Amino acid sequence: MRKLIDFCDYFVICSGNTDRHAKAIADGIAEGLDEIGEKLRSREGDRDARWIILDTVDVVVHVFEKLTRDFYGLEYLWQEATQVKV
């Protein structure tokens, strides 16, 4: 991403089947980061949990509820970025 934007190296884009599932995924990511000593700079979107953003400075994680992910289409918006499948 750094070649396209100046605020992070990677976007991680994932989704859950429901808003509760998306929140559980975001909670798990935040807990995992805490376990390895990586701090979150910010976390947004927990209120309705349709699109939760976790920002670690170098990596920005987007956790979507499935329909919201389909609606916004970040993969299409950032299609010029190199994709890394994990």
N, C-alpha and C. Protein backbone atom coordinates (compact mmCIF):
# COMPACT_ATOMS: atom_id res chain seq x y z
N MET A 1 0.81 -1.19 0.00
CA MET A 1 0.00 0.00 0.00
C MET A 1 0.86 1.26 0.00
N ARG A 2 2.06 1.18 0.53
CA ARG A 2 2.88 2.37 0.68
C ARG A 2 3.14 3.08 -0.65
N LYS A 3 3.12 2.34 -1.75
CA LYS A 3 3.32 2.97 -3.05
C LYS A 3 2.12 3.81 -3.48
N LEU A 4 0.94 3.51 -2.90
CA LEU A 4 -0.29 4.21 -3.26
C LEU A 4 -0.73 5.23 -2.23
N ILE A 5 -0.43 4.95 -0.97
CA ILE A 5 -0.83 5.84 0.13
C ILE A 5 0.33 6.01 1.09
N ASP A 6 0.27 7.02 1.92
CA ASP A 6 1.41 7.28 2.80
C ASP A 6 1.14 6.98 4.28
N PHE A 7 0.03 6.30 4.59
CA PHE A 7 -0.28 6.10 6.01
C PHE A 7 -0.17 4.65 6.49
N CYS A 8 0.09 3.68 5.60
CA CYS A 8 0.31 2.31 6.07
C CYS A 8 0.98 1.49 4.97
N ASP A 9 1.52 0.35 5.39
CA ASP A 9 2.15 -0.57 4.44
C ASP A 9 1.16 -1.60 3.90
N TYR A 10 0.22 -2.03 4.74
CA TYR A 10 -0.71 -3.08 4.36
C TYR A 10 -2.12 -2.76 4.83
N PHE A 11 -3.09 -3.21 4.04
CA PHE A 11 -4.48 -3.32 4.45
C PHE A 11 -4.74 -4.81 4.61
N VAL A 12 -5.39 -5.19 5.68
CA VAL A 12 -5.91 -6.55 5.82
C VAL A 12 -7.42 -6.39 5.74
N ILE A 13 -8.03 -7.13 4.84
CA ILE A 13 -9.48 -7.03 4.63
C ILE A 13 -10.07 -8.41 4.88
N CYS A 14 -11.01 -8.47 5.84
CA CYS A 14 -11.66 -9.74 6.14
C CYS A 14 -13.10 -9.46 6.52
N SER A 15 -13.89 -10.52 6.63
CA SER A 15 -15.29 -10.32 6.95
C SER A 15 -15.85 -11.47 7.77
N GLY A 16 -16.90 -11.14 8.51
CA GLY A 16 -17.67 -12.13 9.25
C GLY A 16 -19.05 -12.21 8.64
N ASN A 17 -19.77 -13.27 8.96
CA ASN A 17 -21.10 -13.47 8.40
C ASN A 17 -22.14 -12.51 8.96
N THR A 18 -21.92 -12.06 10.20
CA THR A 18 -22.86 -11.14 10.87
C THR A 18 -22.06 -10.06 11.58
N ASP A 19 -22.74 -9.05 12.10
CA ASP A 19 -22.05 -8.02 12.86
C ASP A 19 -21.39 -8.59 14.11
N ARG A 20 -22.05 -9.52 14.78
CA ARG A 20 -21.45 -10.16 15.97
C ARG A 20 -20.20 -10.94 15.61
N HIS A 21 -20.25 -11.62 14.49
CA HIS A 21 -19.08 -12.38 14.03
C HIS A 21 -17.93 -11.43 13.71
N ALA A 22 -18.23 -10.32 13.02
CA ALA A 22 -17.20 -9.33 12.70
C ALA A 22 -16.56 -8.77 13.97
N LYS A 23 -17.39 -8.48 14.98
CA LYS A 23 -16.86 -7.97 16.25
C LYS A 23 -15.97 -9.01 16.93
N ALA A 24 -16.38 -10.27 16.89
CA ALA A 24 -15.57 -11.34 17.49
C ALA A 24 -14.22 -11.46 16.77
N ILE A 25 -14.23 -11.33 15.46
CA ILE A 25 -12.98 -11.37 14.69
C ILE A 25 -12.07 -10.21 15.10
N ALA A 26 -12.64 -9.00 15.15
CA ALA A 26 -11.86 -7.82 15.55
C ALA A 26 -11.31 -7.97 16.96
N ASP A 27 -12.13 -8.49 17.87
CA ASP A 27 -11.67 -8.71 19.26
C ASP A 27 -10.51 -9.70 19.28
N GLY A 28 -10.62 -10.77 18.50
CA GLY A 28 -9.54 -11.77 18.43
C GLY A 28 -8.26 -11.19 17.88
N ILE A 29 -8.36 -10.35 16.87
CA ILE A 29 -7.18 -9.71 16.29
C ILE A 29 -6.54 -8.79 17.33
N ALA A 30 -7.36 -7.99 18.01
CA ALA A 30 -6.85 -7.07 19.03
C ALA A 30 -6.17 -7.83 20.16
N GLU A 31 -6.77 -8.94 20.60
CA GLU A 31 -6.16 -9.76 21.66
C GLU A 31 -4.84 -10.35 21.19
N GLY A 32 -4.80 -10.84 19.97
CA GLY A 32 -3.57 -11.41 19.42
C GLY A 32 -2.46 -10.37 19.32
N LEU A 33 -2.82 -9.17 18.89
CA LEU A 33 -1.82 -8.10 18.83
C LEU A 33 -1.29 -7.76 20.21
N ASP A 34 -2.19 -7.71 21.19
CA ASP A 34 -1.78 -7.42 22.56
C ASP A 34 -0.83 -8.49 23.09
N GLU A 35 -1.11 -9.75 22.77
CA GLU A 35 -0.27 -10.86 23.21
C GLU A 35 1.16 -10.77 22.68
N ILE A 36 1.32 -10.23 21.49
CA ILE A 36 2.67 -10.11 20.92
C ILE A 36 3.28 -8.73 21.17
N GLY A 37 2.59 -7.91 21.95
CA GLY A 37 3.12 -6.60 22.32
C GLY A 37 2.93 -5.52 21.28
N GLU A 38 2.04 -5.75 20.32
CA GLU A 38 1.77 -4.75 19.29
C GLU A 38 0.57 -3.92 19.73
N LYS A 39 0.73 -2.63 19.77
CA LYS A 39 -0.33 -1.74 20.25
C LYS A 39 -1.17 -1.21 19.10
N LEU A 40 -2.46 -1.05 19.37
CA LEU A 40 -3.36 -0.42 18.41
C LEU A 40 -3.26 1.09 18.56
N ARG A 41 -3.14 1.78 17.45
CA ARG A 41 -3.19 3.24 17.47
C ARG A 41 -4.63 3.71 17.60
N SER A 42 -5.53 3.01 16.93
CA SER A 42 -6.95 3.34 17.07
C SER A 42 -7.80 2.15 16.66
N ARG A 43 -9.03 2.19 17.14
CA ARG A 43 -10.03 1.17 16.80
C ARG A 43 -11.36 1.90 16.66
N GLU A 44 -12.03 1.67 15.54
CA GLU A 44 -13.30 2.36 15.28
C GLU A 44 -14.31 1.38 14.70
N GLY A 45 -15.59 1.67 14.93
CA GLY A 45 -16.66 0.92 14.30
C GLY A 45 -17.32 -0.13 15.16
N ASP A 46 -16.95 -0.21 16.44
CA ASP A 46 -17.52 -1.24 17.30
C ASP A 46 -19.01 -1.05 17.57
N ARG A 47 -19.49 0.16 17.45
CA ARG A 47 -20.88 0.44 17.82
C ARG A 47 -21.87 -0.42 17.04
N ASP A 48 -21.77 -0.41 15.71
CA ASP A 48 -22.68 -1.26 14.94
C ASP A 48 -21.98 -2.47 14.33
N ALA A 49 -20.65 -2.50 14.41
CA ALA A 49 -19.82 -3.65 14.01
C ALA A 49 -20.04 -4.10 12.57
N ARG A 50 -20.41 -3.19 11.70
CA ARG A 50 -20.52 -3.55 10.29
C ARG A 50 -19.20 -3.34 9.56
N TRP A 51 -18.40 -2.39 10.08
CA TRP A 51 -17.07 -2.13 9.51
C TRP A 51 -16.20 -1.65 10.66
N ILE A 52 -15.34 -2.52 11.13
CA ILE A 52 -14.45 -2.20 12.24
C ILE A 52 -13.05 -2.01 11.67
N ILE A 53 -12.41 -0.92 12.10
CA ILE A 53 -11.06 -0.62 11.62
C ILE A 53 -10.10 -0.68 12.81
N LEU A 54 -9.05 -1.46 12.66
CA LEU A 54 -7.98 -1.57 13.65
C LEU A 54 -6.71 -1.01 13.00
N ASP A 55 -6.14 0.00 13.60
CA ASP A 55 -4.97 0.69 13.02
C ASP A 55 -3.76 0.48 13.90
N THR A 56 -2.73 -0.17 13.35
CA THR A 56 -1.47 -0.36 14.07
C THR A 56 -0.36 0.50 13.50
N VAL A 57 -0.68 1.47 12.71
CA VAL A 57 0.20 2.38 11.98
C VAL A 57 0.66 1.75 10.67
N ASP A 58 1.43 0.66 10.72
CA ASP A 58 1.92 0.04 9.49
C ASP A 58 0.87 -0.83 8.81
N VAL A 59 -0.06 -1.35 9.60
CA VAL A 59 -1.10 -2.23 9.09
C VAL A 59 -2.46 -1.69 9.53
N VAL A 60 -3.39 -1.59 8.59
CA VAL A 60 -4.76 -1.21 8.91
C VAL A 60 -5.64 -2.41 8.57
N VAL A 61 -6.35 -2.90 9.59
CA VAL A 61 -7.22 -4.07 9.42
C VAL A 61 -8.66 -3.60 9.28
N HIS A 62 -9.31 -4.05 8.24
CA HIS A 62 -10.73 -3.76 7.99
C HIS A 62 -11.50 -5.05 8.21
N VAL A 63 -12.36 -5.07 9.21
CA VAL A 63 -13.19 -6.24 9.48
C VAL A 63 -14.64 -5.85 9.16
N PHE A 64 -15.19 -6.50 8.15
CA PHE A 64 -16.53 -6.17 7.67
C PHE A 64 -17.55 -7.23 8.03
N GLU A 65 -18.78 -6.81 8.16
CA GLU A 65 -19.92 -7.71 8.07
C GLU A 65 -20.05 -7.96 6.56
N LYS A 66 -20.36 -9.18 6.17
CA LYS A 66 -20.27 -9.58 4.76
C LYS A 66 -20.98 -8.65 3.79
N LEU A 67 -22.22 -8.28 4.05
CA LEU A 67 -22.95 -7.42 3.12
C LEU A 67 -22.30 -6.04 3.00
N THR A 68 -21.75 -5.54 4.10
CA THR A 68 -21.08 -4.24 4.08
C THR A 68 -19.80 -4.32 3.25
N ARG A 69 -19.08 -5.42 3.36
CA ARG A 69 -17.88 -5.60 2.55
C ARG A 69 -18.22 -5.61 1.06
N ASP A 70 -19.28 -6.33 0.73
CA ASP A 70 -19.71 -6.36 -0.68
C ASP A 70 -20.11 -4.97 -1.17
N PHE A 71 -20.79 -4.21 -0.33
CA PHE A 71 -21.25 -2.88 -0.71
C PHE A 71 -20.09 -1.91 -0.99
N TYR A 72 -19.09 -1.88 -0.09
CA TYR A 72 -18.00 -0.91 -0.24
C TYR A 72 -16.91 -1.36 -1.22
N GLY A 73 -16.70 -2.62 -1.38
CA GLY A 73 -15.77 -3.13 -2.38
C GLY A 73 -14.35 -2.56 -2.29
N LEU A 74 -13.74 -2.60 -1.11
CA LEU A 74 -12.38 -2.05 -0.97
C LEU A 74 -11.38 -2.73 -1.89
N GLU A 75 -11.57 -4.01 -2.14
CA GLU A 75 -10.65 -4.71 -3.05
C GLU A 75 -10.65 -4.04 -4.42
N TYR A 76 -11.81 -3.62 -4.88
CA TYR A 76 -11.90 -2.93 -6.17
C TYR A 76 -11.31 -1.53 -6.09
N LEU A 77 -11.63 -0.84 -5.01
CA LEU A 77 -11.13 0.53 -4.83
C LEU A 77 -9.61 0.58 -4.83
N TRP A 78 -8.97 -0.42 -4.21
CA TRP A 78 -7.51 -0.47 -4.11
C TRP A 78 -6.91 -1.55 -5.01
N GLN A 79 -7.52 -1.80 -6.15
CA GLN A 79 -7.07 -2.87 -7.03
C GLN A 79 -5.67 -2.68 -7.58
N GLU A 80 -5.14 -1.48 -7.54
CA GLU A 80 -3.77 -1.25 -8.03
C GLU A 80 -2.72 -1.74 -7.03
N ALA A 81 -3.13 -1.99 -5.80
CA ALA A 81 -2.20 -2.48 -4.78
C ALA A 81 -1.87 -3.94 -5.04
N THR A 82 -0.67 -4.34 -4.65
CA THR A 82 -0.28 -5.74 -4.76
C THR A 82 -1.04 -6.54 -3.72
N GLN A 83 -1.71 -7.61 -4.15
CA GLN A 83 -2.47 -8.44 -3.22
C GLN A 83 -1.58 -9.57 -2.69
N VAL A 84 -1.68 -9.79 -1.39
CA VAL A 84 -0.98 -10.88 -0.73
C VAL A 84 -2.05 -11.75 -0.08
N LYS A 85 -2.25 -12.93 -0.57
CA LYS A 85 -3.28 -13.84 -0.01
C LYS A 85 -2.67 -14.64 1.12
N VAL A 86 -3.41 -14.71 2.23
CA VAL A 86 -2.94 -15.51 3.37
C VAL A 86 -4.01 -16.46 3.82
